[in-house]
Amino acid sequence: MESFRKLRTLVRRECERLAVDAGNERAGQAFQTQVDALLSAVLGGGVLSEQIFTVVWRYRTAIGRYLEFSMNQKQLLLERLDRFADHCEQHSRASVNDERPREPSAPAPEHPSKRQLTVTTHPDPTGTKPNLAYCAITREQLRRHPCYEALPPVEALVIERPEDLTRIRQDSALWLEARRHMRVNASSAWKALGFGEPATLEWLRECVPAWQFRRGGEAALEAWRQWREPGLDAETFSPASMISMEWGKMHEQNGLLTVLRYLESARTADAASCYYSIVPGDGAPDRGLVPGASTATNTSFAKLVLVEAGLHMLQPASCAGIYDLDEFSALPTIAASPDALLRWRSPLHSEARTQDTQPNTLAASSDLSHDIELVEVKCPCPFVPTGDMTDGPRLTDEATDRPLYRYRLVSPQRLIYANHFAQVQLQMLCTDTWRAHFISWTPDAGARLFVVERDEMWLEMALITLRDFYREFQQAPPPVNFFADRATYRQLLERTVAGVRQSAHQSVTLSAEEVDRLLAWEREAGYWEPVESLFLS
């Protein structure tokens, strides 16, 4: 409590100084040093909860750049530091007899009874309206980014052939309409592959999220119903699930830029040499990133550009004579929409491109097919309803009767889940790429990046399974544990586990501080503001 009182005193003195003597850099440096020392002592005290520790650590990181901030940025930081210190001090006073340290509550609601509920029952900040834009880079901001090639507005498109679907923006109504008519989408293919069946879940236990066990065998029935009625939205989502999905969409851009900046950053060259062992081009295994070399001078590395991706349909040329299928027409219509494509651009390749090449299509870059990879982003949502099976009944706001949500610290995935592995493999098949970068991104606990290599044997077994699913269950729905007794299907599951393990070995974990540092340019350019309110209520 004493530390937060001192912090609040320092902050308010600095606010007064800025009002009368903003140009005194020596005084600003003294404030920076004092606050840094104070926050360091707080972090080293060992009595903070995990969530408060993260918040204090992030403020300490921001104070380290205090002298670089503009006047508006300084004032905003000071205002939030003052509010944070005040919350922590009040909370410490309220729980002085409690041995377990608690989190500061959310900004004080108007109703005292509600505030008491928030402070005593849930140490994490709570509210009725989660701010899903917290720390988010918007899609429109990304489209203006100098390292991003955006697709044209849908109004400018003429759709005449399947290849034209690759130029449809994923946030458009046209994309939604086209996607609904695809029998299998890469993101939901795991359902028809039986990855939600009880026996399969036991087989894949080490690489399956907990929520899939709770759903039982509903996933395959959803896939079957959607095939029977292509325009039917067979799956329904709870409000909490909708919030989780919306959070993932809104923070997709953060993950994309983190991958881009990590791969091109000279400061992470040593880590990148382990994470990314083969530079695209001719596929030679001896063209790895030279440890310690700058990406600006390393001739093995080209300039990286993110390319906006549309809807990519699986084409016959990608399967003919490659996989053990009766014929391509026996397959269901398969499509994928990766979060982005990653183009490795070098001066040699730039000169090779003709002036009449159409941008943002794989066909336009056929000569660069080995220089295009895909990126898939997953962002675990930190907002969850208060109360669950272990905490008791879910709580609501007494004034509005709306459900209360709490903000918790979530960590990046430790491995790629089996359903995500299937999604990425089919994305590579549909986009004719051979490597994927998968990132699990969080706002407070950093990120983890994985490399997923295309697995031709897995794809062949998966395509056979999808073909058989839609061929054998045309009239009646699939039974429980369908295909579980088939040797080929068991091999598919074994190869899935092996692929997940391999991607975990080809991964790197980034702390929140490292992510902040990688996105420093985006912050300075106004693309990213990591300090925002958690709730709109």
Protein backbone atom coordinates (compact mmCIF):
# COMPACT_ATOMS: atom_id res chain seq x y z
CA MET A 1 0.00 0.00 0.00
CA GLU A 2 2.86 2.36 0.85
CA SER A 3 4.51 1.77 -2.54
CA PHE A 4 1.35 2.70 -4.42
CA ARG A 5 0.91 5.81 -2.27
CA LYS A 6 4.46 6.89 -3.17
CA LEU A 7 3.77 6.14 -6.83
CA ARG A 8 0.66 8.28 -6.80
CA THR A 9 2.57 11.15 -5.14
CA LEU A 10 5.34 10.99 -7.76
CA VAL A 11 2.85 10.90 -10.59
CA ARG A 12 0.89 13.90 -9.35
CA ARG A 13 4.06 15.92 -8.83
CA GLU A 14 5.10 15.14 -12.37
CA CYS A 15 1.70 16.27 -13.67
CA GLU A 16 2.15 19.60 -11.89
CA ARG A 17 5.68 19.96 -13.27
CA LEU A 18 4.57 19.32 -16.85
CA ALA A 19 2.03 22.11 -16.55
CA VAL A 20 4.69 24.73 -15.73
CA ASP A 21 8.07 23.32 -16.79
CA ALA A 22 7.56 20.75 -19.54
CA GLY A 23 10.94 21.40 -21.15
CA ASN A 24 13.00 20.43 -18.11
CA GLU A 25 14.44 17.12 -19.32
CA ARG A 26 16.53 16.65 -16.19
CA ALA A 27 13.43 16.69 -14.01
CA GLY A 28 11.70 14.27 -16.39
CA GLN A 29 14.68 11.92 -16.21
CA ALA A 30 14.66 12.09 -12.41
CA PHE A 31 10.95 11.17 -12.39
CA GLN A 32 11.60 8.30 -14.78
CA THR A 33 14.41 6.95 -12.56
CA GLN A 34 12.37 7.22 -9.37
CA VAL A 35 9.30 5.50 -10.80
CA ASP A 36 11.38 2.77 -12.42
CA ALA A 37 13.08 2.05 -9.10
CA LEU A 38 9.74 2.05 -7.28
CA LEU A 39 8.07 -0.30 -9.75
CA SER A 40 11.13 -2.57 -9.70
CA ALA A 41 10.84 -2.78 -5.92
CA VAL A 42 7.14 -3.62 -6.23
CA LEU A 43 7.87 -6.37 -8.74
CA GLY A 44 10.60 -7.78 -6.52
CA GLY A 45 8.39 -7.83 -3.44
CA GLY A 46 6.90 -11.20 -4.33
CA VAL A 47 3.40 -10.49 -2.98
CA LEU A 48 1.60 -9.56 -6.18
CA SER A 49 -0.98 -11.67 -7.94
CA GLU A 50 -0.09 -12.73 -11.46
CA GLN A 51 -2.43 -10.19 -13.06
CA ILE A 52 -1.16 -7.22 -11.02
CA PHE A 53 2.41 -8.32 -11.65
CA THR A 54 1.77 -8.16 -15.40
CA VAL A 55 0.16 -4.71 -15.21
CA VAL A 56 2.99 -3.29 -13.07
CA TRP A 57 5.55 -4.81 -15.39
CA ARG A 58 3.90 -3.21 -18.44
CA TYR A 59 3.84 0.19 -16.76
CA ARG A 60 7.51 -0.18 -15.94
CA THR A 61 8.19 -0.93 -19.60
CA ALA A 62 6.25 2.19 -20.63
CA ILE A 63 8.15 4.33 -18.10
CA GLY A 64 11.36 3.18 -19.72
CA ARG A 65 10.30 5.10 -22.86
CA TYR A 66 8.88 8.07 -20.96
CA LEU A 67 11.37 10.64 -22.28
CA GLU A 68 10.57 9.61 -25.87
CA PHE A 69 6.84 10.25 -25.49
CA SER A 70 5.03 13.31 -26.74
CA MET A 71 3.29 15.60 -24.27
CA ASN A 72 -0.09 13.95 -24.92
CA GLN A 73 1.38 10.48 -24.45
CA LYS A 74 3.01 11.52 -21.17
CA GLN A 75 -0.21 13.00 -19.83
CA LEU A 76 -2.18 9.89 -20.81
CA LEU A 77 0.35 7.58 -19.16
CA LEU A 78 0.40 9.67 -15.98
CA GLU A 79 -3.38 9.75 -15.80
CA ARG A 80 -3.59 5.96 -16.04
CA LEU A 81 -0.74 5.42 -13.61
CA ASP A 82 -2.51 7.65 -11.09
CA ARG A 83 -5.77 5.76 -11.51
CA PHE A 84 -3.99 2.41 -11.25
CA ALA A 85 -2.10 3.42 -8.10
CA ASP A 86 -5.32 4.70 -6.54
CA HIS A 87 -7.14 1.42 -7.25
CA CYS A 88 -4.26 -0.65 -5.85
CA GLU A 89 -4.05 1.48 -2.70
CA GLN A 90 -7.80 1.27 -2.06
CA HIS A 91 -7.80 -2.44 -2.70
CA SER A 92 -4.87 -3.01 -0.34
CA ARG A 93 -6.66 -1.03 2.38
CA ALA A 94 -9.87 -3.01 1.88
CA SER A 95 -8.09 -6.36 2.16
CA VAL A 96 -5.44 -5.57 4.76
CA ASN A 97 -6.45 -8.64 6.80
CA ASP A 98 -6.47 -10.90 3.76
CA GLU A 99 -3.27 -12.91 3.36
CA ARG A 100 -3.80 -13.40 -0.38
CA PRO A 101 -3.13 -10.27 -2.46
CA ARG A 102 -6.01 -9.24 -4.70
CA GLU A 103 -6.31 -7.49 -8.01
CA PRO A 104 -7.46 -3.88 -8.33
CA SER A 105 -11.11 -3.71 -9.25
CA ALA A 106 -12.47 -2.31 -12.47
CA PRO A 107 -13.26 1.45 -12.52
CA ALA A 108 -15.78 2.13 -9.77
CA PRO A 109 -19.40 1.61 -10.86
CA GLU A 110 -22.12 3.92 -9.66
CA HIS A 111 -23.65 1.35 -7.30
CA PRO A 112 -21.70 0.71 -4.07
CA SER A 113 -23.13 -2.78 -3.70
CA LYS A 114 -21.81 -3.75 -7.13
CA ARG A 115 -18.36 -2.39 -6.33
CA GLN A 116 -18.24 -4.45 -3.16
CA LEU A 117 -19.17 -7.56 -5.16
CA THR A 118 -16.40 -6.92 -7.66
CA VAL A 119 -13.68 -6.32 -5.08
CA THR A 120 -14.40 -9.17 -2.69
CA THR A 121 -15.55 -11.94 -5.01
CA HIS A 122 -13.32 -11.58 -8.08
CA PRO A 123 -9.76 -10.29 -7.88
CA ASP A 124 -9.67 -9.80 -11.67
CA PRO A 125 -11.22 -6.63 -13.17
CA THR A 126 -14.90 -7.13 -14.03
CA GLY A 127 -17.57 -5.39 -16.08
CA THR A 128 -20.63 -6.00 -18.24
CA LYS A 129 -19.23 -4.72 -21.56
CA PRO A 130 -15.78 -6.12 -22.42
CA ASN A 131 -13.70 -3.76 -24.52
CA LEU A 132 -12.92 -6.12 -27.40
CA ALA A 133 -10.75 -3.45 -29.02
CA TYR A 134 -8.34 -3.50 -26.07
CA CYS A 135 -4.80 -3.38 -27.52
CA ALA A 136 -6.17 -4.17 -31.00
CA ILE A 137 -4.79 -3.05 -34.35
CA THR A 138 -7.75 -2.66 -36.69
CA ARG A 139 -7.99 -4.23 -40.12
CA GLU A 140 -8.18 -0.84 -41.78
CA GLN A 141 -5.01 0.25 -40.00
CA LEU A 142 -3.29 -2.89 -41.24
CA ARG A 143 -4.41 -2.19 -44.81
CA ARG A 144 -2.59 1.15 -44.62
CA HIS A 145 0.58 -0.47 -43.29
CA PRO A 146 3.60 -0.12 -45.61
CA CYS A 147 4.41 -3.83 -45.29
CA TYR A 148 0.92 -5.01 -46.21
CA GLU A 149 -0.62 -5.54 -49.63
CA ALA A 150 -4.37 -5.07 -49.31
CA LEU A 151 -7.02 -6.52 -51.58
CA PRO A 152 -9.17 -4.08 -53.57
CA PRO A 153 -12.68 -3.17 -52.37
CA VAL A 154 -15.28 -5.74 -53.43
CA GLU A 155 -17.05 -3.09 -55.51
CA ALA A 156 -14.10 -3.18 -57.90
CA LEU A 157 -14.20 -6.96 -58.43
CA VAL A 158 -15.62 -9.01 -61.27
CA ILE A 159 -16.07 -12.65 -60.25
CA GLU A 160 -15.91 -14.91 -63.31
CA ARG A 161 -13.88 -17.95 -62.22
CA PRO A 162 -12.82 -19.67 -58.97
CA GLU A 163 -9.45 -17.89 -58.94
CA ASP A 164 -11.28 -14.57 -58.58
CA LEU A 165 -12.52 -15.63 -55.14
CA THR A 166 -8.98 -15.18 -53.83
CA ARG A 167 -9.45 -11.41 -54.18
CA ILE A 168 -12.54 -11.13 -51.98
CA ARG A 169 -11.91 -9.43 -48.65
CA GLN A 170 -12.76 -11.61 -45.67
CA ASP A 171 -14.67 -8.84 -43.91
CA SER A 172 -17.14 -8.44 -46.79
CA ALA A 173 -20.64 -9.83 -47.21
CA LEU A 174 -19.57 -11.33 -50.55
CA TRP A 175 -16.93 -13.44 -48.82
CA LEU A 176 -19.48 -14.71 -46.29
CA GLU A 177 -21.89 -15.63 -49.07
CA ALA A 178 -19.22 -17.47 -51.08
CA ARG A 179 -17.91 -19.28 -48.01
CA ARG A 180 -21.36 -20.58 -47.06
CA HIS A 181 -21.54 -22.51 -50.32
CA MET A 182 -18.31 -24.41 -49.68
CA ARG A 183 -18.98 -27.87 -48.33
CA VAL A 184 -15.76 -27.99 -46.28
CA ASN A 185 -13.91 -25.00 -44.91
CA ALA A 186 -10.42 -25.54 -43.56
CA SER A 187 -11.33 -24.02 -40.19
CA SER A 188 -14.16 -26.52 -39.61
CA ALA A 189 -12.80 -29.58 -41.44
CA TRP A 190 -11.88 -31.18 -38.11
CA LYS A 191 -15.57 -31.88 -37.55
CA ALA A 192 -15.94 -34.09 -40.64
CA LEU A 193 -12.56 -35.62 -39.86
CA GLY A 194 -14.06 -36.91 -36.62
CA PHE A 195 -11.70 -34.99 -34.34
CA GLY A 196 -14.61 -34.39 -31.96
CA GLU A 197 -15.62 -38.05 -31.53
CA PRO A 198 -15.09 -39.58 -28.05
CA ALA A 199 -12.60 -42.25 -29.14
CA THR A 200 -10.66 -39.75 -31.26
CA LEU A 201 -10.52 -37.24 -28.41
CA GLU A 202 -8.88 -39.87 -26.21
CA TRP A 203 -6.37 -40.62 -28.96
CA LEU A 204 -5.56 -36.93 -29.45
CA ARG A 205 -5.86 -36.02 -25.76
CA GLU A 206 -2.48 -34.27 -25.53
CA CYS A 207 -3.34 -31.84 -28.35
CA VAL A 208 -7.05 -31.15 -27.82
CA PRO A 209 -8.46 -28.09 -25.99
CA ALA A 210 -10.70 -28.72 -22.99
CA TRP A 211 -13.82 -27.27 -24.64
CA GLN A 212 -13.84 -30.06 -27.24
CA PHE A 213 -14.25 -32.68 -24.52
CA ARG A 214 -17.27 -30.80 -23.19
CA ARG A 215 -19.00 -30.79 -26.58
CA GLY A 216 -19.04 -34.55 -26.99
CA GLY A 217 -19.83 -35.84 -30.50
CA GLU A 218 -21.84 -32.84 -31.71
CA ALA A 219 -19.20 -31.62 -34.18
CA ALA A 220 -19.66 -34.36 -36.80
CA LEU A 221 -23.45 -33.91 -36.72
CA GLU A 222 -22.99 -30.19 -37.35
CA ALA A 223 -20.81 -30.95 -40.38
CA TRP A 224 -23.36 -33.44 -41.69
CA ARG A 225 -26.29 -31.01 -41.29
CA GLN A 226 -24.38 -28.23 -42.99
CA TRP A 227 -23.63 -30.51 -45.92
CA ARG A 228 -27.32 -31.38 -46.24
CA GLU A 229 -28.24 -27.68 -46.25
CA PRO A 230 -25.20 -25.66 -47.43
CA GLY A 231 -26.69 -22.29 -46.50
CA LEU A 232 -27.57 -23.45 -42.98
CA ASP A 233 -25.61 -22.11 -40.05
CA ALA A 234 -25.64 -25.43 -38.24
CA GLU A 235 -23.59 -24.26 -35.31
CA THR A 236 -24.95 -21.96 -32.62
CA PHE A 237 -22.77 -20.00 -30.23
CA SER A 238 -23.27 -18.70 -26.71
CA PRO A 239 -22.72 -14.98 -25.97
CA ALA A 240 -19.39 -15.84 -24.34
CA SER A 241 -18.30 -17.79 -27.44
CA MET A 242 -19.30 -14.90 -29.67
CA ILE A 243 -17.17 -12.55 -27.57
CA SER A 244 -14.26 -14.96 -27.81
CA MET A 245 -14.53 -15.18 -31.61
CA GLU A 246 -14.89 -11.42 -32.00
CA TRP A 247 -11.82 -10.91 -29.83
CA GLY A 248 -9.87 -13.25 -32.10
CA LYS A 249 -10.94 -11.37 -35.22
CA MET A 250 -10.08 -7.97 -33.77
CA HIS A 251 -6.58 -9.01 -32.67
CA GLU A 252 -5.67 -11.02 -35.74
CA GLN A 253 -3.74 -8.01 -37.08
CA ASN A 254 -1.56 -7.89 -33.94
CA GLY A 255 -0.51 -11.48 -34.50
CA LEU A 256 0.21 -10.93 -38.19
CA LEU A 257 2.51 -7.98 -37.53
CA THR A 258 4.23 -9.82 -34.68
CA VAL A 259 5.12 -12.66 -37.07
CA LEU A 260 6.32 -10.17 -39.69
CA ARG A 261 8.45 -8.17 -37.27
CA TYR A 262 9.88 -11.25 -35.61
CA LEU A 263 11.05 -12.82 -38.86
CA GLU A 264 12.61 -9.62 -40.17
CA SER A 265 14.08 -8.43 -36.89
CA ALA A 266 17.85 -8.49 -36.67
CA ARG A 267 17.56 -8.35 -32.88
CA THR A 268 16.04 -11.83 -32.82
CA ALA A 269 18.38 -13.37 -35.38
CA ASP A 270 19.74 -15.97 -32.96
CA ALA A 271 16.27 -17.17 -32.00
CA ALA A 272 15.04 -17.02 -35.56
CA SER A 273 17.85 -19.31 -36.70
CA CYS A 274 16.36 -22.04 -34.50
CA TYR A 275 12.76 -21.21 -35.24
CA TYR A 276 13.12 -20.79 -38.99
CA SER A 277 15.79 -23.12 -40.30
CA ILE A 278 15.12 -22.98 -44.04
CA VAL A 279 14.74 -19.81 -46.04
CA PRO A 280 12.21 -20.12 -48.90
CA GLY A 281 13.44 -20.20 -52.44
CA ASP A 282 14.85 -23.42 -53.81
CA GLY A 283 14.11 -25.39 -50.64
CA ALA A 284 17.76 -26.15 -49.94
CA PRO A 285 18.23 -27.02 -46.24
CA ASP A 286 21.54 -25.15 -45.94
CA ARG A 287 20.16 -21.65 -46.48
CA GLY A 288 19.29 -20.87 -42.87
CA LEU A 289 19.43 -17.46 -41.27
CA VAL A 290 22.96 -16.64 -40.18
CA PRO A 291 22.88 -16.18 -36.38
CA GLY A 292 23.61 -12.60 -35.40
CA ALA A 293 23.35 -11.30 -38.96
CA SER A 294 21.18 -8.35 -39.80
CA THR A 295 18.25 -9.06 -42.08
CA ALA A 296 19.26 -5.97 -44.04
CA THR A 297 22.62 -7.53 -44.94
CA ASN A 298 21.82 -11.24 -44.89
CA THR A 299 21.50 -12.19 -48.55
CA SER A 300 19.56 -15.34 -47.64
CA PHE A 301 16.70 -13.24 -46.37
CA ALA A 302 14.43 -11.18 -48.58
CA LYS A 303 12.07 -8.37 -47.70
CA LEU A 304 8.91 -9.62 -46.04
CA VAL A 305 5.47 -8.47 -47.10
CA LEU A 306 2.10 -9.55 -45.73
CA VAL A 307 -0.51 -10.12 -48.42
CA GLU A 308 -4.23 -10.03 -47.68
CA ALA A 309 -5.89 -13.38 -48.42
CA GLY A 310 -9.37 -14.05 -49.80
CA LEU A 311 -11.15 -17.37 -50.36
CA HIS A 312 -9.00 -20.10 -51.92
CA MET A 313 -10.75 -23.13 -53.41
CA LEU A 314 -8.98 -26.44 -53.82
CA GLN A 315 -8.23 -26.92 -57.52
CA PRO A 316 -7.88 -30.23 -59.44
CA ALA A 317 -4.28 -29.44 -60.34
CA SER A 318 -3.39 -29.61 -56.63
CA CYS A 319 -4.59 -33.22 -56.37
CA ALA A 320 -4.43 -34.86 -59.81
CA GLY A 321 -1.91 -37.69 -59.86
CA ILE A 322 -0.66 -36.81 -56.37
CA TYR A 323 -3.08 -38.40 -53.91
CA ASP A 324 -4.67 -41.86 -53.96
CA LEU A 325 -8.17 -40.67 -54.82
CA ASP A 326 -10.70 -42.13 -57.24
CA GLU A 327 -11.05 -38.77 -58.97
CA PHE A 328 -11.13 -35.14 -57.96
CA SER A 329 -14.90 -34.90 -58.40
CA ALA A 330 -15.33 -37.41 -55.56
CA LEU A 331 -14.06 -34.81 -53.12
CA PRO A 332 -16.34 -32.27 -51.47
CA THR A 333 -15.80 -28.60 -52.31
CA ILE A 334 -12.94 -27.50 -50.05
CA ALA A 335 -11.92 -23.89 -49.42
CA ALA A 336 -9.62 -22.00 -47.06
CA SER A 337 -9.14 -18.41 -45.96
CA PRO A 338 -5.81 -18.01 -44.17
CA ASP A 339 -5.33 -14.87 -42.13
CA ALA A 340 -2.61 -13.69 -44.51
CA LEU A 341 0.02 -14.81 -46.96
CA LEU A 342 3.67 -14.02 -46.38
CA ARG A 343 5.73 -13.07 -49.43
CA TRP A 344 9.50 -13.12 -49.36
CA ARG A 345 10.46 -10.41 -51.81
CA SER A 346 14.03 -9.97 -53.05
CA PRO A 347 15.52 -7.63 -55.68
CA LEU A 348 16.02 -10.57 -58.05
CA HIS A 349 12.39 -11.62 -57.78
CA SER A 350 11.18 -8.04 -58.08
CA GLU A 351 12.99 -7.67 -61.40
CA ALA A 352 11.52 -10.94 -62.62
CA ARG A 353 7.96 -9.78 -62.15
CA THR A 354 6.34 -8.36 -65.22
CA GLN A 355 4.60 -5.02 -65.17
CA ASP A 356 1.21 -6.49 -66.12
CA THR A 357 1.21 -8.89 -63.16
CA GLN A 358 -1.95 -8.64 -61.08
CA PRO A 359 -1.16 -8.15 -57.37
CA ASN A 360 -2.54 -10.13 -54.45
CA THR A 361 -3.12 -13.41 -56.26
CA LEU A 362 -1.17 -16.64 -56.15
CA ALA A 363 -1.52 -16.99 -59.91
CA ALA A 364 0.17 -13.63 -60.31
CA SER A 365 3.15 -14.96 -58.38
CA SER A 366 3.45 -18.41 -59.88
CA ASP A 367 7.17 -17.85 -60.38
CA LEU A 368 7.42 -17.15 -56.66
CA SER A 369 5.40 -20.14 -55.45
CA HIS A 370 8.14 -21.25 -53.06
CA ASP A 371 8.45 -17.71 -51.72
CA ILE A 372 4.86 -17.55 -50.49
CA GLU A 373 3.87 -18.96 -47.13
CA LEU A 374 0.77 -18.52 -45.04
CA VAL A 375 0.13 -17.11 -41.58
CA GLU A 376 -2.60 -18.21 -39.20
CA VAL A 377 -3.35 -16.33 -35.98
CA LYS A 378 -5.17 -17.47 -32.85
CA CYS A 379 -5.83 -15.09 -29.97
CA PRO A 380 -7.10 -16.65 -26.71
CA CYS A 381 -9.77 -14.39 -25.24
CA PRO A 382 -9.05 -13.02 -21.73
CA PHE A 383 -12.71 -12.13 -21.07
CA VAL A 384 -14.77 -14.89 -19.45
CA PRO A 385 -18.11 -14.87 -17.62
CA THR A 386 -17.71 -14.58 -13.86
CA GLY A 387 -18.37 -17.87 -12.17
CA ASP A 388 -18.17 -21.34 -13.65
CA MET A 389 -18.40 -24.92 -12.47
CA THR A 390 -15.69 -24.30 -9.88
CA ASP A 391 -16.44 -20.72 -8.87
CA GLY A 392 -20.20 -21.07 -8.52
CA PRO A 393 -23.10 -19.47 -10.40
CA ARG A 394 -22.44 -16.72 -12.91
CA LEU A 395 -22.87 -13.22 -11.55
CA THR A 396 -24.80 -10.33 -13.05
CA ASP A 397 -24.83 -6.59 -12.64
CA GLU A 398 -27.55 -5.71 -10.12
CA ALA A 399 -28.53 -2.53 -11.98
CA THR A 400 -28.70 -3.88 -15.56
CA ASP A 401 -29.05 -7.65 -14.95
CA ARG A 402 -26.37 -8.17 -17.59
CA PRO A 403 -23.80 -10.95 -17.11
CA LEU A 404 -20.52 -9.91 -15.57
CA TYR A 405 -17.26 -10.69 -17.35
CA ARG A 406 -13.84 -10.77 -15.79
CA TYR A 407 -10.50 -10.07 -17.40
CA ARG A 408 -7.94 -12.76 -16.66
CA LEU A 409 -4.35 -13.30 -17.73
CA VAL A 410 -4.24 -15.87 -20.55
CA SER A 411 -1.10 -17.53 -21.83
CA PRO A 412 -0.29 -18.44 -25.44
CA GLN A 413 -0.96 -22.00 -26.56
CA ARG A 414 1.87 -24.33 -25.61
CA LEU A 415 1.23 -26.34 -28.78
CA ILE A 416 -0.97 -26.32 -31.86
CA TYR A 417 -4.27 -28.07 -31.22
CA ALA A 418 -5.25 -30.92 -33.53
CA ASN A 419 -8.13 -28.95 -35.08
CA HIS A 420 -5.78 -26.06 -35.83
CA PHE A 421 -3.20 -28.45 -37.31
CA ALA A 422 -5.85 -29.80 -39.68
CA GLN A 423 -6.90 -26.25 -40.57
CA VAL A 424 -3.36 -25.17 -41.43
CA GLN A 425 -2.61 -28.30 -43.48
CA LEU A 426 -5.73 -27.78 -45.63
CA GLN A 427 -4.93 -24.09 -45.96
CA MET A 428 -1.52 -24.97 -47.39
CA LEU A 429 -3.19 -27.41 -49.80
CA CYS A 430 -5.72 -24.84 -51.04
CA THR A 431 -3.15 -22.04 -51.38
CA ASP A 432 -0.45 -24.29 -52.86
CA THR A 433 2.04 -23.32 -50.16
CA TRP A 434 4.47 -25.49 -48.27
CA ARG A 435 5.03 -23.79 -44.95
CA ALA A 436 2.82 -22.03 -42.42
CA HIS A 437 3.53 -19.70 -39.52
CA PHE A 438 1.08 -20.20 -36.68
CA ILE A 439 1.01 -17.71 -33.81
CA SER A 440 -0.89 -17.72 -30.53
CA TRP A 441 -1.00 -14.04 -29.47
CA THR A 442 -2.03 -12.50 -26.15
CA PRO A 443 -2.06 -8.85 -25.02
CA ASP A 444 -0.35 -9.38 -21.65
CA ALA A 445 1.55 -12.68 -21.72
CA GLY A 446 3.37 -12.48 -25.04
CA ALA A 447 3.04 -14.90 -27.93
CA ARG A 448 4.24 -18.23 -29.21
CA LEU A 449 5.16 -18.84 -32.84
CA PHE A 450 5.14 -22.24 -34.54
CA VAL A 451 6.31 -23.46 -37.91
CA VAL A 452 4.10 -26.07 -39.59
CA GLU A 453 5.49 -27.94 -42.57
CA ARG A 454 3.15 -29.33 -45.21
CA ASP A 455 2.61 -33.06 -44.75
CA GLU A 456 1.64 -34.81 -47.97
CA MET A 457 0.91 -38.14 -46.30
CA TRP A 458 -1.39 -36.45 -43.78
CA LEU A 459 -3.19 -34.60 -46.57
CA GLU A 460 -3.77 -37.78 -48.55
CA MET A 461 -5.29 -39.56 -45.55
CA ALA A 462 -7.37 -36.50 -44.64
CA LEU A 463 -8.75 -36.15 -48.17
CA ILE A 464 -9.68 -39.84 -48.22
CA THR A 465 -11.44 -39.42 -44.86
CA LEU A 466 -13.37 -36.37 -46.07
CA ARG A 467 -14.34 -38.16 -49.29
CA ASP A 468 -15.59 -41.18 -47.37
CA PHE A 469 -17.50 -39.04 -44.86
CA TYR A 470 -19.56 -37.30 -47.54
CA ARG A 471 -19.87 -40.47 -49.63
CA GLU A 472 -21.01 -42.87 -46.91
CA PHE A 473 -23.28 -40.62 -44.87
CA GLN A 474 -25.46 -39.14 -47.57
CA GLN A 475 -28.74 -40.31 -46.05
CA ALA A 476 -28.16 -41.04 -42.37
CA PRO A 477 -25.97 -39.08 -39.95
CA PRO A 478 -22.60 -40.55 -38.95
CA PRO A 479 -22.59 -42.92 -35.95
CA VAL A 480 -20.48 -42.28 -32.87
CA ASN A 481 -16.77 -42.97 -33.39
CA PHE A 482 -17.20 -43.44 -37.14
CA PHE A 483 -14.04 -44.64 -38.93
CA ALA A 484 -12.37 -45.37 -35.55
CA ASP A 485 -11.83 -49.03 -36.54
CA ARG A 486 -10.11 -48.23 -39.84
CA ALA A 487 -6.35 -48.58 -40.02
CA THR A 488 -5.96 -45.58 -42.35
CA TYR A 489 -7.87 -43.38 -39.93
CA ARG A 490 -5.68 -44.43 -36.99
CA GLN A 491 -2.65 -43.57 -39.09
CA LEU A 492 -4.16 -40.13 -39.71
CA LEU A 493 -4.48 -39.58 -35.96
CA GLU A 494 -0.94 -40.81 -35.32
CA ARG A 495 0.41 -38.46 -37.96
CA THR A 496 -1.60 -35.58 -36.47
CA VAL A 497 0.01 -36.09 -33.06
CA ALA A 498 3.45 -36.36 -34.68
CA GLY A 499 2.86 -33.13 -36.62
CA VAL A 500 1.76 -31.28 -33.51
CA ARG A 501 4.86 -32.43 -31.66
CA GLN A 502 7.13 -31.43 -34.51
CA SER A 503 5.62 -27.94 -34.69
CA ALA A 504 6.16 -27.57 -30.93
CA HIS A 505 9.87 -28.27 -31.47
CA GLN A 506 9.87 -25.64 -34.24
CA SER A 507 8.50 -22.89 -32.05
CA VAL A 508 9.64 -19.87 -30.09
CA THR A 509 8.07 -18.09 -27.13
CA LEU A 510 8.05 -14.30 -27.01
CA SER A 511 7.48 -12.45 -23.76
CA ALA A 512 5.11 -9.48 -23.62
CA GLU A 513 8.14 -7.21 -23.45
CA GLU A 514 9.57 -8.75 -26.64
CA VAL A 515 6.24 -8.34 -28.43
CA ASP A 516 6.13 -4.70 -27.33
CA ARG A 517 9.63 -4.19 -28.66
CA LEU A 518 8.84 -5.87 -31.98
CA LEU A 519 5.81 -3.63 -32.48
CA ALA A 520 7.60 -0.45 -31.37
CA TRP A 521 7.37 1.10 -34.84
CA GLU A 522 3.64 0.37 -35.03
CA ARG A 523 3.17 2.06 -31.65
CA GLU A 524 5.14 5.15 -32.61
CA ALA A 525 3.31 5.38 -35.94
CA GLY A 526 -0.07 5.26 -34.19
CA TYR A 527 -1.11 1.74 -35.22
CA TRP A 528 -1.10 0.29 -31.71
CA GLU A 529 -2.03 1.73 -28.33
CA PRO A 530 -1.48 -1.03 -25.75
CA VAL A 531 -2.86 0.91 -22.76
CA GLU A 532 -6.66 1.12 -22.86
CA SER A 533 -9.62 0.53 -20.60
CA LEU A 534 -10.67 -3.10 -20.23
CA PHE A 535 -14.40 -2.46 -20.06
CA LEU A 536 -16.75 -0.03 -21.73
CA SER A 537 -19.20 -0.21 -18.82
